[in-house]
């Protein structure tokens, strides 16, 4: 009789452990599922939109990039409009970065207060950027015809950082006054640091 009681108690204990384990597993699964469902919650009626060429328009430490799209009744015109918009965006991104680089360069190298280096340098780099934008590399292009018959073009372009720096250095070599206050190695060091920030920010 005593052995039967012990056996019965062991059986009950094992059953209890099995039930507890089962409940814990179910609770954990429910919690994980709830977390996943919460992460996937979207506003009513909303759906994710994947924009063509968007990832190809992301700048990194070596390339300035941009993307844009345009719609027109004519496919060639939609491409032309998209390319123009893309170049404008790329130009703005480059000019913004160059402005940050030049500001840092002027402060860190203590260019004289009476020097017009910063203004002249920005004008020079603007000319270089405009020259480079005439021959950009197209990294992505997709054309679609909408249900209404119109055409939409998505496009992404890039400019190599080294090509831009080379153009700046070539133009500077022709300006004696700017060369006096220009430290090529220091400027490129700051330029590379700002490009790294651009990449880490994940900016388009």
N, C-alpha and C. Protein backbone atom coordinates (compact mmCIF):
# COMPACT_ATOMS: atom_id res chain seq x y z
N UNK A 1 0.83 -1.20 0.00
CA UNK A 1 0.00 0.00 0.00
C UNK A 1 0.86 1.25 0.00
N UNK A 2 1.90 1.26 0.79
CA UNK A 2 2.80 2.42 0.90
C UNK A 2 3.47 2.71 -0.44
N UNK A 3 3.91 1.61 -1.11
CA UNK A 3 4.56 1.78 -2.40
C UNK A 3 3.61 2.34 -3.43
N UNK A 4 2.33 1.91 -3.34
CA UNK A 4 1.32 2.40 -4.29
C UNK A 4 1.12 3.90 -4.11
N UNK A 5 1.10 4.38 -2.86
CA UNK A 5 0.92 5.80 -2.58
C UNK A 5 2.10 6.61 -3.14
N UNK A 6 3.32 6.08 -2.91
CA UNK A 6 4.51 6.79 -3.42
C UNK A 6 4.47 6.88 -4.94
N UNK A 7 4.08 5.74 -5.57
CA UNK A 7 3.99 5.71 -7.03
C UNK A 7 2.95 6.71 -7.53
N UNK A 8 1.81 6.75 -6.79
CA UNK A 8 0.75 7.69 -7.17
C UNK A 8 1.21 9.12 -7.04
N UNK A 9 1.95 9.43 -5.96
CA UNK A 9 2.44 10.80 -5.74
C UNK A 9 3.43 11.19 -6.83
N UNK A 10 4.31 10.22 -7.20
CA UNK A 10 5.28 10.51 -8.27
C UNK A 10 4.57 10.78 -9.57
N UNK A 11 3.51 9.98 -9.84
CA UNK A 11 2.76 10.16 -11.09
C UNK A 11 2.10 11.53 -11.14
N UNK A 12 1.52 11.95 -9.99
CA UNK A 12 0.88 13.27 -9.91
C UNK A 12 1.91 14.39 -10.11
N UNK A 13 3.08 14.22 -9.49
CA UNK A 13 4.14 15.23 -9.59
C UNK A 13 4.61 15.38 -11.03
N UNK A 14 4.80 14.26 -11.71
CA UNK A 14 5.24 14.29 -13.11
C UNK A 14 4.19 14.97 -13.98
N UNK A 15 2.91 14.63 -13.70
CA UNK A 15 1.83 15.25 -14.46
C UNK A 15 1.80 16.75 -14.25
N UNK A 16 1.99 17.15 -12.97
CA UNK A 16 2.00 18.59 -12.65
C UNK A 16 3.13 19.31 -13.39
N UNK A 17 4.31 18.68 -13.39
CA UNK A 17 5.45 19.29 -14.08
C UNK A 17 5.17 19.42 -15.58
N UNK A 18 4.54 18.38 -16.14
CA UNK A 18 4.21 18.39 -17.56
C UNK A 18 3.23 19.52 -17.89
N UNK A 19 2.21 19.67 -17.01
CA UNK A 19 1.21 20.72 -17.21
C UNK A 19 1.84 22.10 -17.09
N UNK A 20 2.70 22.27 -16.08
CA UNK A 20 3.36 23.57 -15.85
C UNK A 20 4.24 23.93 -17.05
N UNK A 21 5.00 22.93 -17.53
CA UNK A 21 5.88 23.15 -18.68
C UNK A 21 5.06 23.53 -19.92
N UNK A 22 3.94 22.81 -20.10
CA UNK A 22 3.07 23.08 -21.23
C UNK A 22 2.50 24.48 -21.18
N UNK A 23 2.06 24.90 -19.99
CA UNK A 23 1.51 26.25 -19.82
C UNK A 23 2.57 27.32 -20.06
N UNK A 24 3.78 27.07 -19.54
CA UNK A 24 4.87 28.05 -19.71
C UNK A 24 5.22 28.22 -21.18
N UNK A 25 5.28 27.08 -21.90
CA UNK A 25 5.59 27.13 -23.33
C UNK A 25 4.52 27.89 -24.10
N UNK A 26 3.26 27.60 -23.75
CA UNK A 26 2.15 28.28 -24.42
C UNK A 26 2.18 29.77 -24.16
N UNK A 27 2.50 30.14 -22.90
CA UNK A 27 2.57 31.57 -22.54
C UNK A 27 3.68 32.27 -23.30
N UNK A 28 4.85 31.60 -23.38
CA UNK A 28 5.99 32.18 -24.10
C UNK A 28 5.68 32.34 -25.57
N UNK A 29 5.06 31.33 -26.17
CA UNK A 29 4.70 31.39 -27.59
C UNK A 29 3.70 32.51 -27.84
N UNK A 30 2.76 32.64 -26.92
CA UNK A 30 1.74 33.69 -27.05
C UNK A 30 2.36 35.07 -26.95
N UNK A 31 3.34 35.21 -26.03
CA UNK A 31 4.01 36.50 -25.85
C UNK A 31 4.81 36.87 -27.09
N UNK A 32 5.54 35.86 -27.65
CA UNK A 32 6.34 36.11 -28.85
C UNK A 32 5.44 36.48 -30.02
N UNK A 33 4.33 35.75 -30.14
CA UNK A 33 3.39 36.02 -31.22
C UNK A 33 2.79 37.41 -31.08
N UNK A 34 2.48 37.77 -29.82
CA UNK A 34 1.91 39.10 -29.56
C UNK A 34 2.88 40.20 -29.92
N UNK A 35 4.18 39.97 -29.60
CA UNK A 35 5.21 40.96 -29.92
C UNK A 35 5.35 41.12 -31.42
N UNK A 36 5.34 39.98 -32.15
CA UNK A 36 5.46 40.03 -33.61
C UNK A 36 4.26 40.74 -34.22
N UNK A 37 3.07 40.41 -33.71
CA UNK A 37 1.88 41.04 -34.24
C UNK A 37 1.88 42.53 -33.98
N UNK A 38 2.38 42.92 -32.80
CA UNK A 38 2.45 44.35 -32.46
C UNK A 38 3.40 45.07 -33.39
N UNK A 39 4.52 44.38 -33.73
CA UNK A 39 5.51 45.01 -34.61
C UNK A 39 4.98 45.16 -36.03
N UNK A 40 4.03 44.26 -36.39
CA UNK A 40 3.51 44.29 -37.76
C UNK A 40 2.27 45.16 -37.91
N UNK A 41 1.82 45.75 -36.79
CA UNK A 41 0.60 46.55 -36.84
C UNK A 41 0.79 47.76 -37.74
N UNK A 42 -0.15 48.01 -38.63
CA UNK A 42 -0.11 49.16 -39.53
C UNK A 42 -1.44 49.90 -39.42
N UNK A 43 -1.45 51.17 -39.76
CA UNK A 43 -2.71 51.93 -39.74
C UNK A 43 -3.75 51.26 -40.64
N UNK A 44 -5.00 51.43 -40.32
CA UNK A 44 -6.07 50.82 -41.10
C UNK A 44 -5.96 51.21 -42.58
N UNK A 45 -5.98 50.21 -43.42
CA UNK A 45 -5.96 50.46 -44.86
C UNK A 45 -4.60 50.78 -45.44
N UNK A 46 -3.56 50.85 -44.58
CA UNK A 46 -2.23 51.23 -45.06
C UNK A 46 -1.47 49.99 -45.55
N UNK A 47 -0.64 50.18 -46.55
CA UNK A 47 0.22 49.09 -47.01
C UNK A 47 1.57 49.65 -47.40
N UNK A 48 2.60 48.83 -47.23
CA UNK A 48 3.96 49.26 -47.51
C UNK A 48 4.17 49.43 -49.01
N UNK A 49 4.89 50.49 -49.36
CA UNK A 49 5.17 50.77 -50.77
C UNK A 49 6.68 50.62 -51.01
N UNK A 50 7.03 49.76 -51.93
CA UNK A 50 8.43 49.60 -52.32
C UNK A 50 8.71 50.48 -53.53
N UNK A 51 9.53 51.50 -53.32
CA UNK A 51 9.82 52.45 -54.40
C UNK A 51 11.02 51.97 -55.21
N UNK A 52 10.86 51.76 -56.51
CA UNK A 52 11.98 51.32 -57.35
C UNK A 52 13.16 52.31 -57.29
N UNK A 53 14.37 51.76 -57.32
CA UNK A 53 15.62 52.54 -57.37
C UNK A 53 15.92 53.30 -56.08
N UNK A 54 15.11 53.12 -55.05
CA UNK A 54 15.32 53.88 -53.81
C UNK A 54 16.64 53.50 -53.14
N UNK A 55 16.90 52.20 -53.01
CA UNK A 55 18.13 51.76 -52.35
C UNK A 55 19.38 52.17 -53.14
N UNK A 56 19.25 52.18 -54.47
CA UNK A 56 20.38 52.59 -55.31
C UNK A 56 20.66 54.09 -55.20
N UNK A 57 19.74 54.83 -54.59
CA UNK A 57 19.93 56.27 -54.42
C UNK A 57 20.51 56.65 -53.07
N UNK A 58 20.98 55.66 -52.31
CA UNK A 58 21.54 55.93 -50.99
C UNK A 58 23.03 56.21 -51.08
N UNK A 59 23.46 57.36 -50.57
CA UNK A 59 24.89 57.72 -50.59
C UNK A 59 25.68 56.87 -49.60
N UNK A 60 26.99 56.72 -49.87
CA UNK A 60 27.86 56.03 -48.92
C UNK A 60 29.19 56.79 -48.84
N UNK A 61 30.20 56.16 -48.27
CA UNK A 61 31.47 56.85 -48.04
C UNK A 61 32.23 57.15 -49.33
N UNK A 62 31.86 56.51 -50.42
CA UNK A 62 32.60 56.68 -51.67
C UNK A 62 31.82 57.35 -52.80
N UNK A 63 30.50 57.36 -52.66
CA UNK A 63 29.68 57.91 -53.74
C UNK A 63 28.56 58.80 -53.21
N UNK A 64 28.36 59.91 -53.90
CA UNK A 64 27.15 60.71 -53.70
C UNK A 64 26.08 60.10 -54.61
N UNK A 65 24.89 59.84 -54.05
CA UNK A 65 23.83 59.26 -54.87
C UNK A 65 22.51 59.97 -54.61
N UNK A 66 21.60 59.81 -55.55
CA UNK A 66 20.25 60.38 -55.39
C UNK A 66 19.30 59.60 -56.29
N UNK A 67 18.01 59.67 -55.95
CA UNK A 67 17.00 59.03 -56.80
C UNK A 67 15.81 59.98 -56.95
N UNK A 68 15.03 59.76 -57.99
CA UNK A 68 13.84 60.59 -58.23
C UNK A 68 12.94 59.86 -59.22
N UNK A 69 11.72 60.36 -59.37
CA UNK A 69 10.79 59.79 -60.34
C UNK A 69 9.98 60.90 -60.98
N UNK A 70 9.41 60.62 -62.13
CA UNK A 70 8.58 61.59 -62.83
C UNK A 70 7.60 60.86 -63.73
N UNK A 71 6.46 61.51 -63.99
CA UNK A 71 5.41 60.92 -64.81
C UNK A 71 5.07 61.86 -65.97
N UNK A 72 4.81 61.26 -67.14
CA UNK A 72 4.47 62.06 -68.32
C UNK A 72 3.69 61.19 -69.31
N UNK A 73 3.03 61.86 -70.23
CA UNK A 73 2.34 61.15 -71.30
C UNK A 73 3.34 60.48 -72.25
N UNK A 74 4.56 61.04 -72.29
CA UNK A 74 5.61 60.53 -73.18
C UNK A 74 6.71 59.86 -72.34
N UNK A 75 7.11 58.65 -72.69
CA UNK A 75 8.09 57.92 -71.89
C UNK A 75 9.45 58.62 -71.84
N UNK A 76 9.90 59.14 -72.99
CA UNK A 76 11.18 59.84 -73.02
C UNK A 76 11.15 61.09 -72.15
N UNK A 77 10.02 61.77 -72.15
CA UNK A 77 9.90 62.97 -71.34
C UNK A 77 9.85 62.63 -69.86
N UNK A 78 9.22 61.51 -69.51
CA UNK A 78 9.19 61.11 -68.10
C UNK A 78 10.61 60.80 -67.62
N UNK A 79 11.43 60.20 -68.49
CA UNK A 79 12.82 59.92 -68.12
C UNK A 79 13.61 61.21 -67.96
N UNK A 80 13.40 62.12 -68.91
CA UNK A 80 14.12 63.40 -68.87
C UNK A 80 13.79 64.17 -67.59
N UNK A 81 12.52 64.21 -67.24
CA UNK A 81 12.09 64.92 -66.04
C UNK A 81 12.65 64.26 -64.78
N UNK A 82 12.64 62.92 -64.76
CA UNK A 82 13.18 62.20 -63.60
C UNK A 82 14.67 62.45 -63.45
N UNK A 83 15.40 62.47 -64.57
CA UNK A 83 16.84 62.69 -64.53
C UNK A 83 17.17 64.10 -64.05
N UNK A 84 16.42 65.09 -64.53
CA UNK A 84 16.64 66.47 -64.09
C UNK A 84 16.39 66.60 -62.58
N UNK A 85 15.29 66.02 -62.10
CA UNK A 85 14.97 66.08 -60.67
C UNK A 85 16.04 65.37 -59.85
N UNK A 86 16.55 64.26 -60.39
CA UNK A 86 17.58 63.49 -59.70
C UNK A 86 18.88 64.28 -59.59
N UNK A 87 19.26 64.95 -60.68
CA UNK A 87 20.48 65.77 -60.68
C UNK A 87 20.36 66.94 -59.71
N UNK A 88 19.18 67.53 -59.63
CA UNK A 88 18.96 68.63 -58.70
C UNK A 88 19.13 68.17 -57.26
N UNK A 89 18.58 67.01 -56.97
CA UNK A 89 18.70 66.46 -55.61
C UNK A 89 20.15 66.10 -55.30
N UNK A 90 20.83 65.50 -56.28
CA UNK A 90 22.23 65.12 -56.09
C UNK A 90 23.09 66.37 -55.87
N UNK A 91 22.85 67.39 -56.69
CA UNK A 91 23.60 68.64 -56.55
C UNK A 91 23.41 69.25 -55.17
N UNK A 92 22.18 69.24 -54.68
CA UNK A 92 21.89 69.79 -53.36
C UNK A 92 22.62 69.01 -52.27
N UNK A 93 22.64 67.67 -52.40
CA UNK A 93 23.33 66.84 -51.41
C UNK A 93 24.83 67.10 -51.40
N UNK A 94 25.40 67.21 -52.60
CA UNK A 94 26.84 67.46 -52.70
C UNK A 94 27.20 68.82 -52.13
N UNK A 95 26.43 69.85 -52.53
CA UNK A 95 26.71 71.21 -52.06
C UNK A 95 26.60 71.31 -50.54
N UNK A 96 25.62 70.61 -49.98
CA UNK A 96 25.44 70.63 -48.52
C UNK A 96 26.64 70.00 -47.82
N UNK A 97 27.14 68.90 -48.37
CA UNK A 97 28.30 68.24 -47.77
C UNK A 97 29.55 69.09 -47.92
N UNK A 98 29.74 69.66 -49.11
CA UNK A 98 30.92 70.51 -49.34
C UNK A 98 30.89 71.73 -48.42
N UNK A 99 29.70 72.29 -48.17
CA UNK A 99 29.58 73.43 -47.26
C UNK A 99 30.04 73.03 -45.86
N UNK A 100 29.63 71.84 -45.41
CA UNK A 100 30.05 71.37 -44.08
C UNK A 100 31.56 71.15 -44.03
N UNK A 101 32.09 70.56 -45.10
CA UNK A 101 33.53 70.31 -45.16
C UNK A 101 34.31 71.63 -45.15
N UNK A 102 33.87 72.58 -45.95
CA UNK A 102 34.57 73.87 -46.05
C UNK A 102 34.51 74.64 -44.75
N UNK A 103 33.33 74.64 -44.10
CA UNK A 103 33.20 75.31 -42.80
C UNK A 103 34.16 74.72 -41.78
N UNK A 104 34.22 73.40 -41.74
CA UNK A 104 35.14 72.74 -40.80
C UNK A 104 36.59 73.05 -41.15
N UNK A 105 36.90 73.03 -42.43
CA UNK A 105 38.27 73.28 -42.88
C UNK A 105 38.71 74.69 -42.47
N UNK A 106 37.84 75.67 -42.69
CA UNK A 106 38.17 77.06 -42.35
C UNK A 106 38.40 77.20 -40.85
N UNK A 107 37.56 76.56 -40.05
CA UNK A 107 37.69 76.66 -38.59
C UNK A 107 38.92 75.92 -38.07
N UNK A 108 39.15 74.72 -38.59
CA UNK A 108 40.24 73.90 -38.08
C UNK A 108 41.62 74.33 -38.55
N UNK A 109 41.69 75.01 -39.69
CA UNK A 109 42.98 75.47 -40.19
C UNK A 109 43.21 76.95 -39.89
N UNK A 110 42.19 77.58 -39.30
CA UNK A 110 42.28 78.99 -38.90
C UNK A 110 42.68 79.89 -40.06
N UNK A 111 41.98 79.74 -41.16
CA UNK A 111 42.19 80.63 -42.31
C UNK A 111 41.88 82.05 -41.86
N UNK A 112 42.70 83.01 -42.25
CA UNK A 112 42.57 84.39 -41.78
C UNK A 112 41.16 84.95 -41.92
N UNK A 113 40.74 85.78 -40.96
CA UNK A 113 39.39 86.37 -40.97
C UNK A 113 39.15 87.24 -42.20
N UNK A 114 40.18 87.86 -42.68
CA UNK A 114 40.02 88.75 -43.84
C UNK A 114 40.10 88.01 -45.17
N UNK A 115 40.31 86.70 -45.08
CA UNK A 115 40.43 85.93 -46.32
C UNK A 115 39.05 85.65 -46.90
N UNK A 116 38.97 85.70 -48.23
CA UNK A 116 37.71 85.38 -48.90
C UNK A 116 37.74 83.94 -49.39
N UNK A 117 38.57 83.13 -48.75
CA UNK A 117 38.76 81.74 -49.16
C UNK A 117 37.44 80.98 -49.23
N UNK A 118 36.66 81.07 -48.16
CA UNK A 118 35.45 80.25 -48.07
C UNK A 118 34.48 80.54 -49.22
N UNK A 119 34.23 81.83 -49.47
CA UNK A 119 33.28 82.20 -50.52
C UNK A 119 33.80 81.79 -51.89
N UNK A 120 35.07 82.07 -52.16
CA UNK A 120 35.64 81.74 -53.46
C UNK A 120 35.70 80.22 -53.66
N UNK A 121 36.01 79.53 -52.56
CA UNK A 121 36.12 78.08 -52.64
C UNK A 121 34.75 77.45 -52.95
N UNK A 122 33.71 77.95 -52.32
CA UNK A 122 32.37 77.44 -52.57
C UNK A 122 31.91 77.71 -54.01
N UNK A 123 32.27 78.88 -54.52
CA UNK A 123 31.94 79.19 -55.92
C UNK A 123 32.66 78.23 -56.87
N UNK A 124 33.93 77.95 -56.54
CA UNK A 124 34.72 77.06 -57.38
C UNK A 124 34.14 75.64 -57.35
N UNK A 125 33.82 75.16 -56.16
CA UNK A 125 33.30 73.79 -56.04
C UNK A 125 31.92 73.67 -56.71
N UNK A 126 31.16 74.76 -56.70
CA UNK A 126 29.85 74.73 -57.37
C UNK A 126 30.04 74.52 -58.87
N UNK A 127 31.05 75.16 -59.42
CA UNK A 127 31.34 74.99 -60.85
C UNK A 127 31.77 73.55 -61.14
N UNK A 128 32.59 72.99 -60.25
CA UNK A 128 33.06 71.61 -60.43
C UNK A 128 31.88 70.64 -60.38
N UNK A 129 30.99 70.85 -59.40
CA UNK A 129 29.82 69.98 -59.26
C UNK A 129 28.96 70.03 -60.52
N UNK A 130 28.73 71.23 -61.04
CA UNK A 130 27.92 71.38 -62.26
C UNK A 130 28.55 70.64 -63.44
N UNK A 131 29.89 70.66 -63.50
CA UNK A 131 30.59 69.96 -64.57
C UNK A 131 30.40 68.45 -64.43
N UNK A 132 30.51 67.95 -63.21
CA UNK A 132 30.40 66.51 -62.97
C UNK A 132 28.98 66.00 -63.22
N UNK A 133 28.00 66.84 -62.99
CA UNK A 133 26.61 66.43 -63.16
C UNK A 133 26.22 66.25 -64.63
N UNK A 134 27.06 66.74 -65.52
CA UNK A 134 26.76 66.56 -66.95
C UNK A 134 27.07 65.12 -67.40
N UNK A 135 27.81 64.39 -66.58
CA UNK A 135 28.20 63.04 -66.97
C UNK A 135 28.09 62.09 -65.78
N UNK A 136 26.90 62.03 -65.18
CA UNK A 136 26.69 61.16 -64.03
C UNK A 136 26.49 59.71 -64.48
N UNK A 137 26.69 58.79 -63.57
CA UNK A 137 26.45 57.37 -63.86
C UNK A 137 25.04 57.01 -63.39
N UNK A 138 24.26 56.44 -64.28
CA UNK A 138 22.92 55.98 -63.92
C UNK A 138 23.05 54.57 -63.35
N UNK A 139 22.67 54.39 -62.09
CA UNK A 139 22.83 53.10 -61.41
C UNK A 139 21.54 52.28 -61.40
N UNK A 140 20.42 52.92 -61.67
CA UNK A 140 19.14 52.21 -61.70
C UNK A 140 18.15 53.00 -62.53
N UNK A 141 17.40 52.30 -63.35
CA UNK A 141 16.34 52.96 -64.14
C UNK A 141 15.22 51.96 -64.41
N UNK A 142 13.99 52.34 -64.06
CA UNK A 142 12.84 51.47 -64.30
C UNK A 142 11.70 52.32 -64.86
N UNK A 143 11.08 51.81 -65.91
CA UNK A 143 9.99 52.53 -66.58
C UNK A 143 8.69 51.72 -66.51
N UNK A 144 7.61 52.41 -66.19
CA UNK A 144 6.31 51.75 -66.07
C UNK A 144 5.25 52.55 -66.84
N UNK A 145 4.28 51.81 -67.37
CA UNK A 145 3.12 52.47 -67.96
C UNK A 145 1.95 52.29 -67.01
N UNK A 146 1.38 53.42 -66.57
CA UNK A 146 0.27 53.39 -65.63
C UNK A 146 -1.02 52.96 -66.33
N UNK A 147 -2.04 52.67 -65.54
CA UNK A 147 -3.34 52.26 -66.09
C UNK A 147 -3.98 53.37 -66.92
N UNK A 148 -3.64 54.62 -66.58
CA UNK A 148 -4.20 55.74 -67.34
C UNK A 148 -3.43 56.04 -68.62
N UNK A 149 -2.44 55.20 -68.92
CA UNK A 149 -1.67 55.37 -70.15
C UNK A 149 -0.40 56.18 -69.99
N UNK A 150 -0.24 56.89 -68.87
CA UNK A 150 0.96 57.70 -68.65
C UNK A 150 2.14 56.82 -68.29
N UNK A 151 3.35 57.39 -68.45
CA UNK A 151 4.58 56.66 -68.14
C UNK A 151 5.24 57.26 -66.90
N UNK A 152 5.77 56.38 -66.06
CA UNK A 152 6.51 56.83 -64.87
C UNK A 152 7.91 56.23 -64.90
N UNK A 153 8.89 57.07 -64.73
CA UNK A 153 10.29 56.62 -64.71
C UNK A 153 10.87 56.83 -63.32
N UNK A 154 11.51 55.78 -62.80
CA UNK A 154 12.26 55.85 -61.55
C UNK A 154 13.74 55.74 -61.91
N UNK A 155 14.54 56.59 -61.31
CA UNK A 155 15.95 56.61 -61.71
C UNK A 155 16.84 56.94 -60.52
N UNK A 156 18.06 56.41 -60.52
CA UNK A 156 19.06 56.71 -59.49
C UNK A 156 20.40 56.97 -60.16
N UNK A 157 21.14 57.93 -59.66
CA UNK A 157 22.43 58.30 -60.25
C UNK A 157 23.48 58.44 -59.15
N UNK A 158 24.74 58.48 -59.57
CA UNK A 158 25.82 58.64 -58.59
C UNK A 158 27.00 59.42 -59.18
N UNK A 159 27.76 60.03 -58.26
CA UNK A 159 29.02 60.70 -58.62
C UNK A 159 30.08 60.19 -57.66
N UNK A 160 31.19 59.76 -58.21
CA UNK A 160 32.28 59.24 -57.39
C UNK A 160 32.94 60.37 -56.60
N UNK A 161 33.14 60.15 -55.32
CA UNK A 161 33.77 61.16 -54.45
C UNK A 161 35.16 61.52 -54.95
N UNK A 162 35.94 60.52 -55.37
CA UNK A 162 37.31 60.77 -55.82
C UNK A 162 37.33 61.62 -57.08
N UNK A 163 36.38 61.39 -57.98
CA UNK A 163 36.30 62.19 -59.20
C UNK A 163 36.00 63.64 -58.86
N UNK A 164 35.15 63.83 -57.85
CA UNK A 164 34.80 65.19 -57.42
C UNK A 164 36.01 65.89 -56.80
N UNK A 165 36.72 65.19 -55.94
CA UNK A 165 37.91 65.77 -55.30
C UNK A 165 38.98 66.08 -56.34
N UNK A 166 39.11 65.21 -57.32
CA UNK A 166 40.10 65.44 -58.38
C UNK A 166 39.75 66.70 -59.16
N UNK A 167 38.46 66.90 -59.44
CA UNK A 167 38.03 68.10 -60.15
C UNK A 167 38.29 69.36 -59.33
N UNK A 168 38.06 69.28 -58.02
CA UNK A 168 38.31 70.42 -57.14
C UNK A 168 39.79 70.77 -57.13
N UNK A 169 40.65 69.74 -56.99
CA UNK A 169 42.08 69.98 -56.94
C UNK A 169 42.61 70.55 -58.26
N UNK A 170 42.08 70.08 -59.36
CA UNK A 170 42.50 70.60 -60.67
C UNK A 170 42.12 72.07 -60.82
N UNK A 171 40.91 72.41 -60.40
CA UNK A 171 40.46 73.81 -60.50
C UNK A 171 41.25 74.71 -59.56
N UNK A 172 41.57 74.20 -58.37
CA UNK A 172 42.34 74.99 -57.40
C UNK A 172 43.74 75.30 -57.90
N UNK A 173 44.30 74.38 -58.66
CA UNK A 173 45.67 74.57 -59.14
C UNK A 173 45.78 75.77 -60.08
N UNK A 174 44.63 76.24 -60.59
CA UNK A 174 44.61 77.37 -61.51
C UNK A 174 44.38 78.70 -60.79
N UNK A 175 44.14 78.63 -59.47
CA UNK A 175 43.87 79.85 -58.70
C UNK A 175 44.95 80.03 -57.63
N UNK A 176 45.87 80.95 -57.88
CA UNK A 176 47.02 81.14 -57.00
C UNK A 176 46.61 81.57 -55.59
N UNK A 177 45.62 82.45 -55.47
CA UNK A 177 45.21 82.94 -54.15
C UNK A 177 44.60 81.83 -53.29
N UNK A 178 43.77 80.99 -53.91
CA UNK A 178 43.16 79.89 -53.16
C UNK A 178 44.21 78.85 -52.75
N UNK A 179 45.20 78.63 -53.60
CA UNK A 179 46.22 77.63 -53.29
C UNK A 179 46.98 77.97 -52.03
N UNK A 180 47.12 79.25 -51.72
CA UNK A 180 47.87 79.68 -50.54
C UNK A 180 47.23 79.13 -49.26
N UNK A 181 45.90 79.11 -49.21
CA UNK A 181 45.19 78.68 -48.00
C UNK A 181 44.67 77.25 -48.08
N UNK A 182 45.09 76.52 -49.12
CA UNK A 182 44.54 75.18 -49.32
C UNK A 182 45.54 74.10 -48.95
N UNK A 183 45.16 73.29 -47.96
CA UNK A 183 45.96 72.14 -47.56
C UNK A 183 45.21 70.90 -48.08
N UNK A 184 45.70 70.35 -49.17
CA UNK A 184 45.00 69.25 -49.83
C UNK A 184 44.74 68.07 -48.91
N UNK A 185 45.74 67.64 -48.17
CA UNK A 185 45.58 66.47 -47.30
C UNK A 185 44.56 66.72 -46.19
N UNK A 186 44.61 67.92 -45.61
CA UNK A 186 43.68 68.25 -44.53
C UNK A 186 42.25 68.33 -45.06
N UNK A 187 42.08 68.94 -46.20
CA UNK A 187 40.73 69.07 -46.77
C UNK A 187 40.15 67.70 -47.08
N UNK A 188 40.96 66.83 -47.69
CA UNK A 188 40.47 65.50 -48.04
C UNK A 188 40.19 64.66 -46.80
N UNK A 189 40.95 64.87 -45.75
CA UNK A 189 40.70 64.16 -44.49
C UNK A 189 39.31 64.53 -43.94
N UNK A 190 39.02 65.83 -43.93
CA UNK A 190 37.71 66.28 -43.44
C UNK A 190 36.61 65.81 -44.37
N UNK A 191 36.88 65.85 -45.67
CA UNK A 191 35.90 65.42 -46.67
C UNK A 191 35.51 63.95 -46.44
N UNK A 192 36.50 63.11 -46.21
CA UNK A 192 36.25 61.69 -45.97
C UNK A 192 35.46 61.46 -44.69
N UNK A 193 35.73 62.26 -43.68
CA UNK A 193 34.99 62.14 -42.42
C UNK A 193 33.52 62.51 -42.61
N UNK A 194 33.27 63.55 -43.39
CA UNK A 194 31.89 63.96 -43.64
C UNK A 194 31.15 62.94 -44.51
N UNK A 195 31.87 62.31 -45.43
CA UNK A 195 31.25 61.26 -46.25
C UNK A 195 30.89 60.06 -45.40
N UNK A 196 31.73 59.77 -44.43
CA UNK A 196 31.45 58.64 -43.52
C UNK A 196 30.19 58.93 -42.70
N UNK A 197 30.07 60.17 -42.26
CA UNK A 197 28.86 60.57 -41.52
C UNK A 197 27.62 60.42 -42.41
N UNK A 198 27.77 60.80 -43.67
CA UNK A 198 26.66 60.70 -44.61
C UNK A 198 26.22 59.26 -44.77
N UNK A 199 27.19 58.36 -44.85
CA UNK A 199 26.86 56.94 -44.98
C UNK A 199 26.17 56.42 -43.72
N UNK A 200 26.69 56.78 -42.56
CA UNK A 200 26.13 56.29 -41.30
C UNK A 200 24.74 56.83 -41.02
N UNK A 201 24.46 58.01 -41.55
CA UNK A 201 23.14 58.60 -41.34
C UNK A 201 22.07 57.89 -42.15
N UNK A 202 22.50 57.18 -43.18
CA UNK A 202 21.55 56.47 -44.04
C UNK A 202 20.76 57.41 -44.92
N UNK A 203 21.31 58.58 -45.14
CA UNK A 203 20.59 59.59 -45.94
C UNK A 203 20.56 59.19 -47.40
N UNK A 204 19.50 59.65 -48.08
CA UNK A 204 19.37 59.41 -49.51
C UNK A 204 19.78 60.65 -50.28
